[in-house]
Amino acid sequence: MAGGIRQRDNGELEENHEINVTPFIDVMLVLLIIFMVAAPLATVDIDIDLPASTAQPKERPDEPLYLTLKSDLALHVGNDPVQ
């Protein structure tokens, strides 16, 4: 028992400094059961019929296109301002 008191042969009481691990095991078992119940509920399968595509993927440009919106609401494509 955690924090229990034991009596020595000479009549003095000695404290027990062992950790009671039973509550820790109980908590771990409850968490395990909650996880075992919740995990299958988190994976919901929905059948979706997606259309087939025959389009070819576009090639990536050599340089990226930068679009900048400044604090004064000016819009720039690359370094060129846009009206």
C-alpha atoms as a PDB file:
ATOM      1  CA  MET A   1       0.000   0.000   0.000  1.00  0.00           C
ATOM      2  CA  ALA A   2       1.401   3.391  -0.914  1.00  0.00           C
ATOM      3  CA  GLY A   3       2.200   5.567   2.065  1.00  0.00           C
ATOM      4  CA  GLY A   4       1.325   2.754   4.426  1.00  0.00           C
ATOM      5  CA  ILE A   5       2.884   2.383   7.853  1.00  0.00           C
ATOM      6  CA  ARG A   6       4.696  -0.755   8.955  1.00  0.00           C
ATOM      7  CA  GLN A   7       5.562  -1.678  12.508  1.00  0.00           C
ATOM      8  CA  ARG A   8       9.128  -2.746  13.310  1.00  0.00           C
ATOM      9  CA  ASP A   9      10.129  -5.337  15.892  1.00  0.00           C
ATOM     10  CA  ASN A  10      11.212  -2.603  18.335  1.00  0.00           C
ATOM     11  CA  GLY A  11       7.766  -0.985  18.279  1.00  0.00           C
ATOM     12  CA  GLU A  12       8.573   1.963  15.953  1.00  0.00           C
ATOM     13  CA  LEU A  13       6.460   2.630  12.902  1.00  0.00           C
ATOM     14  CA  GLU A  14       8.196   2.754   9.518  1.00  0.00           C
ATOM     15  CA  GLU A  15       6.735   4.464   6.443  1.00  0.00           C
ATOM     16  CA  ASN A  16       6.364   2.510   3.238  1.00  0.00           C
ATOM     17  CA  HIS A  17       7.725   4.446   0.240  1.00  0.00           C
ATOM     18  CA  GLU A  18       6.578   2.123  -2.535  1.00  0.00           C
ATOM     19  CA  ILE A  19       4.492   3.437  -5.419  1.00  0.00           C
ATOM     20  CA  ASN A  20       1.066   1.921  -5.831  1.00  0.00           C
ATOM     21  CA  VAL A  21       0.919   1.124  -9.567  1.00  0.00           C
ATOM     22  CA  THR A  22      -2.624  -0.259  -9.594  1.00  0.00           C
ATOM     23  CA  PRO A  23      -4.283   3.101 -10.457  1.00  0.00           C
ATOM     24  CA  PHE A  24      -1.776   3.615 -13.285  1.00  0.00           C
ATOM     25  CA  ILE A  25      -2.578   0.187 -14.727  1.00  0.00           C
ATOM     26  CA  ASP A  26      -6.310   0.883 -14.425  1.00  0.00           C
ATOM     27  CA  VAL A  27      -5.981   4.180 -16.278  1.00  0.00           C
ATOM     28  CA  MET A  28      -3.880   2.573 -19.020  1.00  0.00           C
ATOM     29  CA  LEU A  29      -6.426  -0.218 -19.489  1.00  0.00           C
ATOM     30  CA  VAL A  30      -9.295   2.273 -19.730  1.00  0.00           C
ATOM     31  CA  LEU A  31      -7.356   4.330 -22.292  1.00  0.00           C
ATOM     32  CA  LEU A  32      -6.596   1.168 -24.265  1.00  0.00           C
ATOM     33  CA  ILE A  33     -10.286   0.237 -24.366  1.00  0.00           C
ATOM     34  CA  ILE A  34     -11.263   3.767 -25.432  1.00  0.00           C
ATOM     35  CA  PHE A  35      -8.660   3.661 -28.205  1.00  0.00           C
ATOM     36  CA  MET A  36      -9.800   0.216 -29.345  1.00  0.00           C
ATOM     37  CA  VAL A  37     -13.397   1.441 -29.597  1.00  0.00           C
ATOM     38  CA  ALA A  38     -12.616   4.832 -31.143  1.00  0.00           C
ATOM     39  CA  ALA A  39     -10.063   3.716 -33.757  1.00  0.00           C
ATOM     40  CA  PRO A  40     -12.505   1.757 -35.960  1.00  0.00           C
ATOM     41  CA  LEU A  41     -15.012   4.616 -35.752  1.00  0.00           C
ATOM     42  CA  ALA A  42     -12.419   7.089 -37.034  1.00  0.00           C
ATOM     43  CA  THR A  43     -11.895   5.158 -40.279  1.00  0.00           C
ATOM     44  CA  VAL A  44     -15.168   5.514 -42.152  1.00  0.00           C
ATOM     45  CA  ASP A  45     -15.204   4.185 -45.712  1.00  0.00           C
ATOM     46  CA  ILE A  46     -17.443   5.935 -48.220  1.00  0.00           C
ATOM     47  CA  ASP A  47     -17.670   4.570 -51.754  1.00  0.00           C
ATOM     48  CA  ILE A  48     -17.176   7.352 -54.296  1.00  0.00           C
ATOM     49  CA  ASP A  49     -17.389   6.866 -58.045  1.00  0.00           C
ATOM     50  CA  LEU A  50     -14.865   9.288 -59.520  1.00  0.00           C
ATOM     51  CA  PRO A  51     -14.933   9.984 -63.242  1.00  0.00           C
ATOM     52  CA  ALA A  52     -12.062   8.660 -65.327  1.00  0.00           C
ATOM     53  CA  SER A  53      -9.757  11.222 -66.898  1.00  0.00           C
ATOM     54  CA  THR A  54      -7.884  10.912 -70.162  1.00  0.00           C
ATOM     55  CA  ALA A  55      -6.205  14.330 -69.927  1.00  0.00           C
ATOM     56  CA  GLN A  56      -2.435  14.452 -70.084  1.00  0.00           C
ATOM     57  CA  PRO A  57      -0.708  16.196 -67.158  1.00  0.00           C
ATOM     58  CA  LYS A  58       0.729  19.636 -67.932  1.00  0.00           C
ATOM     59  CA  GLU A  59       4.455  20.082 -67.916  1.00  0.00           C
ATOM     60  CA  ARG A  60       5.876  22.181 -65.107  1.00  0.00           C
ATOM     61  CA  PRO A  61       7.317  25.541 -66.129  1.00  0.00           C
ATOM     62  CA  ASP A  62      11.069  26.088 -65.814  1.00  0.00           C
ATOM     63  CA  GLU A  63      10.583  29.094 -63.535  1.00  0.00           C
ATOM     64  CA  PRO A  64       7.796  29.538 -60.966  1.00  0.00           C
ATOM     65  CA  LEU A  65       5.283  32.362 -61.337  1.00  0.00           C
ATOM     66  CA  TYR A  66       5.267  34.733 -58.348  1.00  0.00           C
ATOM     67  CA  LEU A  67       2.099  36.673 -57.513  1.00  0.00           C
ATOM     68  CA  THR A  68       2.617  39.393 -54.876  1.00  0.00           C
ATOM     69  CA  LEU A  69      -0.040  41.418 -53.048  1.00  0.00           C
ATOM     70  CA  LYS A  70       1.514  44.349 -51.221  1.00  0.00           C
ATOM     71  CA  SER A  71       0.159  46.243 -48.213  1.00  0.00           C
ATOM     72  CA  ASP A  72      -1.206  49.053 -50.417  1.00  0.00           C
ATOM     73  CA  LEU A  73      -3.184  46.387 -52.357  1.00  0.00           C
ATOM     74  CA  ALA A  74      -0.904  46.662 -55.397  1.00  0.00           C
ATOM     75  CA  LEU A  75      -0.712  43.418 -57.353  1.00  0.00           C
ATOM     76  CA  HIS A  76       2.519  42.269 -59.037  1.00  0.00           C
ATOM     77  CA  VAL A  77       3.083  39.280 -61.308  1.00  0.00           C
ATOM     78  CA  GLY A  78       6.788  38.600 -61.074  1.00  0.00           C
ATOM     79  CA  ASN A  79       8.305  42.106 -61.040  1.00  0.00           C
ATOM     80  CA  ASP A  80       5.604  43.665 -63.292  1.00  0.00           C
ATOM     81  CA  PRO A  81       2.737  45.600 -61.669  1.00  0.00           C
ATOM     82  CA  VAL A  82      -0.801  44.680 -62.700  1.00  0.00           C
ATOM     83  CA  GLN A  83      -3.579  47.233 -62.952  1.00  0.00           C
END
